[in-house]
C-alpha atoms as a PDB file:
ATOM      1  CA  MET A   1     195.445 -95.914  44.342  1.00  0.00           C
ATOM      2  CA  PRO A   2     194.119 -98.322  41.688  1.00  0.00           C
ATOM      3  CA  SER A   3     192.857 -96.913  38.416  1.00  0.00           C
ATOM      4  CA  SER A   4     189.091 -96.850  38.446  1.00  0.00           C
ATOM      5  CA  THR A   5     186.910 -98.949  36.165  1.00  0.00           C
ATOM      6  CA  LEU A   6     183.702 -97.777  37.811  1.00  0.00           C
ATOM      7  CA  ALA A   7     180.644 -97.435  35.636  1.00  0.00           C
ATOM      8  CA  GLY A   8     179.974 -93.808  34.877  1.00  0.00           C
ATOM      9  CA  GLY A   9     183.643 -93.015  34.468  1.00  0.00           C
ATOM     10  CA  THR A  10     185.076 -89.753  35.730  1.00  0.00           C
ATOM     11  CA  PHE A  11     184.249 -86.055  35.780  1.00  0.00           C
ATOM     12  CA  THR A  12     186.683 -83.150  35.700  1.00  0.00           C
ATOM     13  CA  LEU A  13     185.690 -80.479  38.200  1.00  0.00           C
ATOM     14  CA  ALA A  14     188.780 -78.356  37.492  1.00  0.00           C
ATOM     15  CA  ASP A  15     192.070 -78.651  35.632  1.00  0.00           C
ATOM     16  CA  ASP A  16     193.695 -80.210  38.705  1.00  0.00           C
ATOM     17  CA  LEU A  17     190.687 -82.171  39.971  1.00  0.00           C
ATOM     18  CA  THR A  18     189.175 -85.218  38.277  1.00  0.00           C
ATOM     19  CA  VAL A  19     187.044 -87.635  40.295  1.00  0.00           C
ATOM     20  CA  THR A  20     185.067 -90.797  39.743  1.00  0.00           C
ATOM     21  CA  ARG A  21     181.419 -90.012  39.154  1.00  0.00           C
ATOM     22  CA  VAL A  22     180.652 -92.629  41.773  1.00  0.00           C
ATOM     23  CA  GLY A  23     181.917 -91.279  45.081  1.00  0.00           C
ATOM     24  CA  TYR A  24     181.299 -92.176  48.694  1.00  0.00           C
ATOM     25  CA  GLY A  25     179.302 -90.238  51.277  1.00  0.00           C
ATOM     26  CA  ALA A  26     180.822 -90.702  54.724  1.00  0.00           C
ATOM     27  CA  MET A  27     177.908 -89.347  56.756  1.00  0.00           C
ATOM     28  CA  GLN A  28     176.775 -92.719  58.124  1.00  0.00           C
ATOM     29  CA  LEU A  29     180.191 -93.520  59.563  1.00  0.00           C
ATOM     30  CA  ALA A  30     179.160 -91.580  62.668  1.00  0.00           C
ATOM     31  CA  GLY A  31     176.679 -92.912  65.208  1.00  0.00           C
ATOM     32  CA  PRO A  32     172.860 -92.923  64.972  1.00  0.00           C
ATOM     33  CA  GLY A  33     171.513 -89.600  63.760  1.00  0.00           C
ATOM     34  CA  VAL A  34     175.015 -88.794  62.487  1.00  0.00           C
ATOM     35  CA  PHE A  35     175.880 -88.096  66.116  1.00  0.00           C
ATOM     36  CA  GLY A  36     178.526 -89.635  68.336  1.00  0.00           C
ATOM     37  CA  PRO A  37     181.014 -92.414  67.561  1.00  0.00           C
ATOM     38  CA  PRO A  38     180.244 -95.244  65.115  1.00  0.00           C
ATOM     39  CA  ALA A  39     178.480 -98.343  66.342  1.00  0.00           C
ATOM     40  CA  ASP A  40     181.244-100.469  64.785  1.00  0.00           C
ATOM     41  CA  HIS A  41     184.556 -98.626  64.576  1.00  0.00           C
ATOM     42  CA  ASP A  42     186.431-101.430  62.824  1.00  0.00           C
ATOM     43  CA  GLU A  43     183.748-101.729  60.158  1.00  0.00           C
ATOM     44  CA  ALA A  44     183.884 -97.972  59.565  1.00  0.00           C
ATOM     45  CA  VAL A  45     187.631 -98.213  58.956  1.00  0.00           C
ATOM     46  CA  ALA A  46     187.095-101.223  56.676  1.00  0.00           C
ATOM     47  CA  VAL A  47     184.483 -99.348  54.625  1.00  0.00           C
ATOM     48  CA  LEU A  48     186.892 -96.501  53.919  1.00  0.00           C
ATOM     49  CA  ARG A  49     189.700 -98.848  52.927  1.00  0.00           C
ATOM     50  CA  THR A  50     187.279-100.667  50.632  1.00  0.00           C
ATOM     51  CA  VAL A  51     186.391 -97.318  49.032  1.00  0.00           C
ATOM     52  CA  VAL A  52     190.016 -96.960  47.981  1.00  0.00           C
ATOM     53  CA  GLU A  53     190.264-100.628  46.988  1.00  0.00           C
ATOM     54  CA  LEU A  54     187.307-100.209  44.638  1.00  0.00           C
ATOM     55  CA  GLY A  55     188.933 -97.240  42.902  1.00  0.00           C
ATOM     56  CA  ILE A  56     186.597 -94.530  44.196  1.00  0.00           C
ATOM     57  CA  THR A  57     188.438 -91.194  44.224  1.00  0.00           C
ATOM     58  CA  HIS A  58     185.826 -88.909  45.800  1.00  0.00           C
ATOM     59  CA  ILE A  59     184.908 -88.945  49.503  1.00  0.00           C
ATOM     60  CA  ASP A  60     182.306 -86.508  50.822  1.00  0.00           C
ATOM     61  CA  THR A  61     182.446 -85.642  54.527  1.00  0.00           C
ATOM     62  CA  SER A  62     182.072 -82.842  57.071  1.00  0.00           C
ATOM     63  CA  GLU A  63     183.535 -81.922  60.434  1.00  0.00           C
ATOM     64  CA  TYR A  64     180.011 -81.686  61.825  1.00  0.00           C
ATOM     65  CA  TYR A  65     179.351 -85.372  61.077  1.00  0.00           C
ATOM     66  CA  GLY A  66     179.681 -86.781  64.555  1.00  0.00           C
ATOM     67  CA  PRO A  67     180.871 -84.094  65.097  1.00  0.00           C
ATOM     68  CA  HIS A  68     184.569 -84.818  64.530  1.00  0.00           C
ATOM     69  CA  TYR A  69     184.245 -88.614  64.431  1.00  0.00           C
ATOM     70  CA  THR A  70     183.821 -89.078  60.683  1.00  0.00           C
ATOM     71  CA  ASN A  71     186.844 -86.973  59.770  1.00  0.00           C
ATOM     72  CA  GLN A  72     188.920 -88.667  62.446  1.00  0.00           C
ATOM     73  CA  ILE A  73     188.027 -92.115  61.101  1.00  0.00           C
ATOM     74  CA  ILE A  74     188.869 -91.037  57.541  1.00  0.00           C
ATOM     75  CA  ARG A  75     192.297 -89.939  58.715  1.00  0.00           C
ATOM     76  CA  GLU A  76     192.843 -93.095  60.754  1.00  0.00           C
ATOM     77  CA  ALA A  77     191.853 -95.367  57.881  1.00  0.00           C
ATOM     78  CA  LEU A  78     193.511 -93.632  54.944  1.00  0.00           C
ATOM     79  CA  TYR A  79     196.291 -91.263  56.044  1.00  0.00           C
ATOM     80  CA  PRO A  80     198.690 -90.737  54.347  1.00  0.00           C
ATOM     81  CA  TYR A  81     196.105 -90.364  51.626  1.00  0.00           C
ATOM     82  CA  PRO A  82     196.638 -92.234  48.350  1.00  0.00           C
ATOM     83  CA  GLU A  83     197.554 -90.142  45.347  1.00  0.00           C
ATOM     84  CA  GLY A  84     194.428 -89.287  43.402  1.00  0.00           C
ATOM     85  CA  LEU A  85     192.033 -89.501  46.349  1.00  0.00           C
ATOM     86  CA  HIS A  86     190.061 -86.273  46.786  1.00  0.00           C
ATOM     87  CA  ILE A  87     188.193 -85.228  49.926  1.00  0.00           C
ATOM     88  CA  VAL A  88     185.231 -82.854  49.810  1.00  0.00           C
ATOM     89  CA  THR A  89     183.840 -81.304  52.976  1.00  0.00           C
ATOM     90  CA  LYS A  90     181.168 -78.782  53.838  1.00  0.00           C
ATOM     91  CA  VAL A  91     180.775 -75.940  56.298  1.00  0.00           C
ATOM     92  CA  GLY A  92     177.909 -73.788  57.479  1.00  0.00           C
ATOM     93  CA  ALA A  93     176.403 -75.756  60.360  1.00  0.00           C
ATOM     94  CA  ARG A  94     177.325 -77.183  63.739  1.00  0.00           C
ATOM     95  CA  ARG A  95     175.887 -79.780  66.121  1.00  0.00           C
ATOM     96  CA  ASP A  96     174.272 -78.917  69.403  1.00  0.00           C
ATOM     97  CA  GLU A  97     174.189 -81.080  72.525  1.00  0.00           C
ATOM     98  CA  LYS A  98     170.929 -82.719  71.394  1.00  0.00           C
ATOM     99  CA  GLY A  99     172.265 -83.612  67.945  1.00  0.00           C
ATOM    100  CA  GLY A 100     170.556 -80.710  66.174  1.00  0.00           C
ATOM    101  CA  TRP A 101     171.988 -78.950  63.132  1.00  0.00           C
ATOM    102  CA  PRO A 102     171.885 -75.178  63.811  1.00  0.00           C
ATOM    103  CA  GLN A 103     173.386 -72.860  61.228  1.00  0.00           C
ATOM    104  CA  ALA A 104     176.923 -71.577  61.786  1.00  0.00           C
ATOM    105  CA  ARG A 105     177.553 -69.277  58.832  1.00  0.00           C
ATOM    106  CA  SER A 106     179.230 -66.143  60.105  1.00  0.00           C
ATOM    107  CA  PRO A 107     182.614 -65.528  58.445  1.00  0.00           C
ATOM    108  CA  ARG A 108     184.347 -66.309  61.732  1.00  0.00           C
ATOM    109  CA  GLU A 109     182.449 -69.583  62.153  1.00  0.00           C
ATOM    110  CA  LEU A 110     183.194 -70.594  58.563  1.00  0.00           C
ATOM    111  CA  ARG A 111     186.902 -69.892  58.988  1.00  0.00           C
ATOM    112  CA  ASP A 112     186.934 -71.894  62.220  1.00  0.00           C
ATOM    113  CA  GLN A 113     185.192 -74.820  60.529  1.00  0.00           C
ATOM    114  CA  VAL A 114     187.683 -74.889  57.675  1.00  0.00           C
ATOM    115  CA  HIS A 115     190.559 -74.971  60.142  1.00  0.00           C
ATOM    116  CA  GLN A 116     188.819 -77.747  62.110  1.00  0.00           C
ATOM    117  CA  ASN A 117     188.435 -79.815  58.951  1.00  0.00           C
ATOM    118  CA  LEU A 118     192.090 -79.296  58.102  1.00  0.00           C
ATOM    119  CA  ALA A 119     193.136 -80.407  61.590  1.00  0.00           C
ATOM    120  CA  THR A 120     190.970 -83.516  61.860  1.00  0.00           C
ATOM    121  CA  LEU A 121     191.701 -84.665  58.308  1.00  0.00           C
ATOM    122  CA  GLY A 122     195.421 -83.906  58.582  1.00  0.00           C
ATOM    123  CA  LEU A 123     195.492 -81.735  55.468  1.00  0.00           C
ATOM    124  CA  ASP A 124     197.272 -78.519  54.530  1.00  0.00           C
ATOM    125  CA  ALA A 125     194.555 -77.681  51.992  1.00  0.00           C
ATOM    126  CA  ILE A 126     191.140 -79.161  51.225  1.00  0.00           C
ATOM    127  CA  ASP A 127     190.259 -80.130  47.662  1.00  0.00           C
ATOM    128  CA  VAL A 128     186.689 -78.795  47.825  1.00  0.00           C
ATOM    129  CA  VAL A 129     184.776 -76.985  50.569  1.00  0.00           C
ATOM    130  CA  ASN A 130     181.018 -76.644  50.073  1.00  0.00           C
ATOM    131  CA  LEU A 131     179.139 -73.793  51.713  1.00  0.00           C
ATOM    132  CA  ARG A 132     175.917 -75.240  53.120  1.00  0.00           C
ATOM    133  CA  VAL A 133     173.183 -72.620  52.995  1.00  0.00           C
ATOM    134  CA  GLY A 134     169.841 -74.342  53.571  1.00  0.00           C
ATOM    135  CA  HIS A 135     168.805 -77.646  55.091  1.00  0.00           C
ATOM    136  CA  MET A 136     167.633 -80.766  53.228  1.00  0.00           C
ATOM    137  CA  ASN A 137     165.451 -79.555  50.340  1.00  0.00           C
ATOM    138  CA  ASP A 138     164.983 -76.083  51.831  1.00  0.00           C
ATOM    139  CA  ALA A 139     167.398 -73.633  50.208  1.00  0.00           C
ATOM    140  CA  ALA A 140     167.196 -70.729  52.649  1.00  0.00           C
ATOM    141  CA  PRO A 141     166.656 -67.606  50.506  1.00  0.00           C
ATOM    142  CA  GLY A 142     168.789 -64.517  50.729  1.00  0.00           C
ATOM    143  CA  SER A 143     172.247 -63.246  49.912  1.00  0.00           C
ATOM    144  CA  ILE A 144     175.300 -65.455  50.533  1.00  0.00           C
ATOM    145  CA  GLU A 145     177.845 -62.826  49.501  1.00  0.00           C
ATOM    146  CA  GLU A 146     179.390 -62.416  52.959  1.00  0.00           C
ATOM    147  CA  GLN A 147     179.689 -66.137  53.610  1.00  0.00           C
ATOM    148  CA  PHE A 148     180.974 -67.058  50.165  1.00  0.00           C
ATOM    149  CA  THR A 149     183.504 -64.216  50.222  1.00  0.00           C
ATOM    150  CA  ALA A 150     184.911 -65.643  53.458  1.00  0.00           C
ATOM    151  CA  LEU A 151     185.576 -68.959  51.695  1.00  0.00           C
ATOM    152  CA  ALA A 152     187.011 -67.192  48.645  1.00  0.00           C
ATOM    153  CA  GLU A 153     189.504 -65.457  50.946  1.00  0.00           C
ATOM    154  CA  LEU A 154     190.534 -68.821  52.407  1.00  0.00           C
ATOM    155  CA  GLN A 155     190.965 -70.095  48.868  1.00  0.00           C
ATOM    156  CA  GLN A 156     193.239 -67.156  48.072  1.00  0.00           C
ATOM    157  CA  ALA A 157     195.207 -67.991  51.236  1.00  0.00           C
ATOM    158  CA  GLY A 158     195.775 -71.542  49.942  1.00  0.00           C
ATOM    159  CA  LEU A 159     193.670 -73.390  52.542  1.00  0.00           C
ATOM    160  CA  ILE A 160     190.925 -74.315  50.063  1.00  0.00           C
ATOM    161  CA  LYS A 161     191.624 -75.464  46.513  1.00  0.00           C
ATOM    162  CA  HIS A 162     188.070 -75.222  45.178  1.00  0.00           C
ATOM    163  CA  ILE A 163     184.679 -74.048  46.434  1.00  0.00           C
ATOM    164  CA  GLY A 164     181.205 -75.515  46.043  1.00  0.00           C
ATOM    165  CA  LEU A 165     177.698 -74.883  47.351  1.00  0.00           C
ATOM    166  CA  SER A 166     175.124 -77.032  49.140  1.00  0.00           C
ATOM    167  CA  THR A 167     171.351 -76.633  49.377  1.00  0.00           C
ATOM    168  CA  VAL A 168     171.131 -73.441  47.354  1.00  0.00           C
ATOM    169  CA  ASN A 169     168.907 -71.914  44.693  1.00  0.00           C
ATOM    170  CA  ALA A 170     169.825 -70.609  41.252  1.00  0.00           C
ATOM    171  CA  GLU A 171     170.068 -66.991  42.426  1.00  0.00           C
ATOM    172  CA  GLN A 172     172.598 -67.932  45.116  1.00  0.00           C
ATOM    173  CA  VAL A 173     174.623 -69.916  42.593  1.00  0.00           C
ATOM    174  CA  ALA A 174     174.807 -66.874  40.312  1.00  0.00           C
ATOM    175  CA  GLU A 175     175.728 -64.617  43.240  1.00  0.00           C
ATOM    176  CA  ALA A 176     178.578 -66.912  44.257  1.00  0.00           C
ATOM    177  CA  GLN A 177     179.881 -67.245  40.714  1.00  0.00           C
ATOM    178  CA  ALA A 178     180.183 -63.459  40.493  1.00  0.00           C
ATOM    179  CA  ILE A 179     182.684 -63.684  43.381  1.00  0.00           C
ATOM    180  CA  ALA A 180     184.693 -66.830  42.549  1.00  0.00           C
ATOM    181  CA  PRO A 181     184.294 -69.983  40.443  1.00  0.00           C
ATOM    182  CA  ILE A 182     182.421 -72.948  41.906  1.00  0.00           C
ATOM    183  CA  VAL A 183     183.061 -76.570  40.953  1.00  0.00           C
ATOM    184  CA  GLU A 184     179.930 -78.250  42.296  1.00  0.00           C
ATOM    185  CA  VAL A 185     176.459 -77.807  43.723  1.00  0.00           C
ATOM    186  CA  GLN A 186     175.146 -80.375  46.197  1.00  0.00           C
ATOM    187  CA  ASN A 187     171.337 -80.349  46.469  1.00  0.00           C
ATOM    188  CA  PHE A 188     168.460 -82.682  47.350  1.00  0.00           C
ATOM    189  CA  TYR A 189     167.438 -84.264  44.042  1.00  0.00           C
ATOM    190  CA  ASN A 190     166.220 -87.629  42.782  1.00  0.00           C
ATOM    191  CA  ILE A 191     163.668 -89.240  40.464  1.00  0.00           C
ATOM    192  CA  ALA A 192     160.755 -87.987  42.560  1.00  0.00           C
ATOM    193  CA  THR A 193     162.172 -84.628  43.706  1.00  0.00           C
ATOM    194  CA  ARG A 194     163.151 -82.722  40.574  1.00  0.00           C
ATOM    195  CA  GLY A 195     162.692 -79.059  41.381  1.00  0.00           C
ATOM    196  CA  ASP A 196     166.304 -78.461  40.369  1.00  0.00           C
ATOM    197  CA  ASP A 197     165.977 -79.770  36.798  1.00  0.00           C
ATOM    198  CA  GLU A 198     166.587 -76.317  35.311  1.00  0.00           C
ATOM    199  CA  LEU A 199     169.521 -75.597  37.634  1.00  0.00           C
ATOM    200  CA  LEU A 200     171.039 -79.007  36.889  1.00  0.00           C
ATOM    201  CA  ASP A 201     170.885 -78.410  33.142  1.00  0.00           C
ATOM    202  CA  SER A 202     172.364 -74.929  33.526  1.00  0.00           C
ATOM    203  CA  LEU A 203     175.280 -76.290  35.535  1.00  0.00           C
ATOM    204  CA  ALA A 204     175.837 -79.075  33.002  1.00  0.00           C
ATOM    205  CA  ALA A 205     176.171 -76.474  30.246  1.00  0.00           C
ATOM    206  CA  GLN A 206     178.819 -74.710  32.353  1.00  0.00           C
ATOM    207  CA  GLY A 207     180.741 -77.884  33.199  1.00  0.00           C
ATOM    208  CA  VAL A 208     179.880 -77.592  36.903  1.00  0.00           C
ATOM    209  CA  ALA A 209     179.148 -80.802  38.812  1.00  0.00           C
ATOM    210  CA  PHE A 210     175.776 -81.481  40.415  1.00  0.00           C
ATOM    211  CA  VAL A 211     175.853 -83.802  43.432  1.00  0.00           C
ATOM    212  CA  PRO A 212     172.403 -85.055  44.485  1.00  0.00           C
ATOM    213  CA  TYR A 213     171.824 -86.464  47.932  1.00  0.00           C
ATOM    214  CA  PHE A 214     169.087 -88.788  49.266  1.00  0.00           C
ATOM    215  CA  PRO A 215     168.454 -90.743  46.023  1.00  0.00           C
ATOM    216  CA  LEU A 216     165.421 -92.415  47.657  1.00  0.00           C
ATOM    217  CA  GLY A 217     164.232 -89.478  49.776  1.00  0.00           C
ATOM    218  CA  GLY A 218     160.843 -87.773  49.543  1.00  0.00           C
ATOM    219  CA  PHE A 219     159.003 -90.515  47.641  1.00  0.00           C
ATOM    220  CA  ASN A 220     155.255 -90.962  48.128  1.00  0.00           C
ATOM    221  CA  PRO A 221     153.756 -94.505  48.174  1.00  0.00           C
ATOM    222  CA  LEU A 222     152.720 -94.433  44.501  1.00  0.00           C
ATOM    223  CA  GLN A 223     156.201 -93.329  43.436  1.00  0.00           C
ATOM    224  CA  VAL A 224     157.758 -96.092  45.542  1.00  0.00           C
ATOM    225  CA  GLU A 225     155.425 -98.595  43.909  1.00  0.00           C
ATOM    226  CA  THR A 226     156.431 -97.464  40.417  1.00  0.00           C
ATOM    227  CA  LEU A 227     160.140 -97.542  41.245  1.00  0.00           C
ATOM    228  CA  SER A 228     159.824-101.005  42.792  1.00  0.00           C
ATOM    229  CA  ALA A 229     157.930-102.294  39.743  1.00  0.00           C
ATOM    230  CA  VAL A 230     160.611-101.035  37.364  1.00  0.00           C
ATOM    231  CA  ALA A 231     163.330-102.501  39.574  1.00  0.00           C
ATOM    232  CA  ALA A 232     161.593-105.885  39.707  1.00  0.00           C
ATOM    233  CA  ARG A 233     161.205-105.952  35.936  1.00  0.00           C
ATOM    234  CA  LEU A 234     164.936-105.253  35.548  1.00  0.00           C
ATOM    235  CA  GLU A 235     165.804-107.767  38.289  1.00  0.00           C
ATOM    236  CA  ALA A 236     167.547-105.034  40.263  1.00  0.00           C
ATOM    237  CA  GLY A 237     167.033-103.274  43.590  1.00  0.00           C
ATOM    238  CA  PRO A 238     165.280 -99.893  43.888  1.00  0.00           C
ATOM    239  CA  MET A 239     168.500 -98.192  45.036  1.00  0.00           C
ATOM    240  CA  ALA A 240     170.381 -99.579  42.027  1.00  0.00           C
ATOM    241  CA  VAL A 241     167.706 -98.204  39.701  1.00  0.00           C
ATOM    242  CA  ALA A 242     167.657 -94.822  41.458  1.00  0.00           C
ATOM    243  CA  LEU A 243     171.434 -94.475  41.193  1.00  0.00           C
ATOM    244  CA  ALA A 244     171.486 -95.630  37.574  1.00  0.00           C
ATOM    245  CA  TRP A 245     168.759 -93.102  36.700  1.00  0.00           C
ATOM    246  CA  LEU A 246     170.839 -90.298  38.209  1.00  0.00           C
ATOM    247  CA  LEU A 247     173.962 -91.299  36.267  1.00  0.00           C
ATOM    248  CA  GLN A 248     171.960 -91.383  33.040  1.00  0.00           C
ATOM    249  CA  ARG A 249     170.108 -88.130  33.806  1.00  0.00           C
ATOM    250  CA  SER A 250     173.116 -85.887  33.122  1.00  0.00           C
ATOM    251  CA  PRO A 251     176.883 -86.364  32.636  1.00  0.00           C
ATOM    252  CA  ASN A 252     177.706 -83.775  35.313  1.00  0.00           C
ATOM    253  CA  ILE A 253     175.977 -85.732  38.092  1.00  0.00           C
ATOM    254  CA  LEU A 254     178.262 -87.207  40.755  1.00  0.00           C
ATOM    255  CA  LEU A 255     176.950 -89.783  43.208  1.00  0.00           C
ATOM    256  CA  ILE A 256     177.792 -89.949  46.920  1.00  0.00           C
ATOM    257  CA  PRO A 257     175.722 -92.886  48.235  1.00  0.00           C
ATOM    258  CA  VAL A 258     176.175 -93.338  51.966  1.00  0.00           C
ATOM    259  CA  THR A 259     176.662 -96.559  53.911  1.00  0.00           C
ATOM    260  CA  SER A 260     178.444 -97.875  56.979  1.00  0.00           C
ATOM    261  CA  SER A 261     178.672-101.427  55.607  1.00  0.00           C
ATOM    262  CA  THR A 262     181.331-102.871  53.314  1.00  0.00           C
ATOM    263  CA  ALA A 263     178.794-105.279  51.829  1.00  0.00           C
ATOM    264  CA  HIS A 264     176.372-102.440  51.093  1.00  0.00           C
ATOM    265  CA  LEU A 265     179.215-100.361  49.633  1.00  0.00           C
ATOM    266  CA  ARG A 266     180.094-103.143  47.213  1.00  0.00           C
ATOM    267  CA  GLN A 267     176.427-103.485  46.245  1.00  0.00           C
ATOM    268  CA  ASN A 268     176.173 -99.754  45.564  1.00  0.00           C
ATOM    269  CA  VAL A 269     179.246 -99.784  43.356  1.00  0.00           C
ATOM    270  CA  ALA A 270     178.107-102.873  41.477  1.00  0.00           C
ATOM    271  CA  SER A 271     174.649-101.394  40.948  1.00  0.00           C
ATOM    272  CA  VAL A 272     175.843 -98.409  38.974  1.00  0.00           C
ATOM    273  CA  ALA A 273     176.781-100.689  36.084  1.00  0.00           C
ATOM    274  CA  LEU A 274     173.038-101.015  35.440  1.00  0.00           C
ATOM    275  CA  GLU A 275     171.977 -99.522  32.112  1.00  0.00           C
ATOM    276  CA  LEU A 276     168.334 -98.453  32.114  1.00  0.00           C
ATOM    277  CA  PRO A 277     166.421 -99.057  28.857  1.00  0.00           C
ATOM    278  CA  ALA A 278     164.504 -96.158  27.343  1.00  0.00           C
ATOM    279  CA  ASP A 279     161.090 -97.441  28.421  1.00  0.00           C
ATOM    280  CA  ALA A 280     162.238 -97.711  32.048  1.00  0.00           C
ATOM    281  CA  VAL A 281     163.633 -94.179  31.959  1.00  0.00           C
ATOM    282  CA  ALA A 282     160.355 -92.859  30.516  1.00  0.00           C
ATOM    283  CA  GLU A 283     158.326 -94.629  33.214  1.00  0.00           C
ATOM    284  CA  LEU A 284     160.565 -93.312  35.974  1.00  0.00           C
ATOM    285  CA  ASN A 285     160.481 -89.781  34.563  1.00  0.00           C
ATOM    286  CA  SER A 286     156.703 -89.823  34.837  1.00  0.00           C
ATOM    287  CA  ILE A 287     156.711 -90.085  38.651  1.00  0.00           C
ATOM    288  CA  ALA A 288     158.351 -86.715  39.328  1.00  0.00           C
ATOM    289  CA  GLY A 289     156.405 -84.749  41.919  1.00  0.00           C
END
């Protein structure tokens, strides 16, 4: 695939795994509510091919997006996968008949989910599998030793190359790291929702990636007003400012903005070239809840 010139450059998660800091989140390729087939199948395929065209080397997905549909579209659009393209998936949940997201975190369920991801993506091994523990910004407390050990065993068997975590707290990160190395943590985090500041800085010191999701989620009206004012002053969109703030917040942050539109994808990628001046960063920092 083409060498990337994306703003933000690259990040090395492991000796054999370097990705562009700007990735792509495939969640919206499924139907409404991340359930069922896409509204526009051809556009979904085009989005994924544009991801590669733009030099993005990091696609985030899951078998429970759809379920099945997102992984199937990734395979249809990109298989055989270009050299240097890395796919990250997550396990720990399933979809019910109403589109709900119940937990599915027994060792047997986790093993089944890994095998399902391998089958739908057409892979012999997955670059990164994230264990999803909580939901949204709720990191369900408690031990994850049993679940994480199940993934570590699949890693030893060669089905997983690297392991990450999703929606976890600092204690769960430490518990997992006592079992096997992790390469990333994927949590709800943005300008307004910054409860993970300490965890983010700790991971940065260790060289572990932090992957925030919902860059515009959880804002109250006053915070939206401040973000919009900064964006207007910089002649940029609020999403562009939110993504730029994340890239400047810490060098270990990786972005996975989601979209089902090629035009929106190109806008997202172009927006990360935005360099926020110090006064804008200070103003944005002040709105944290």
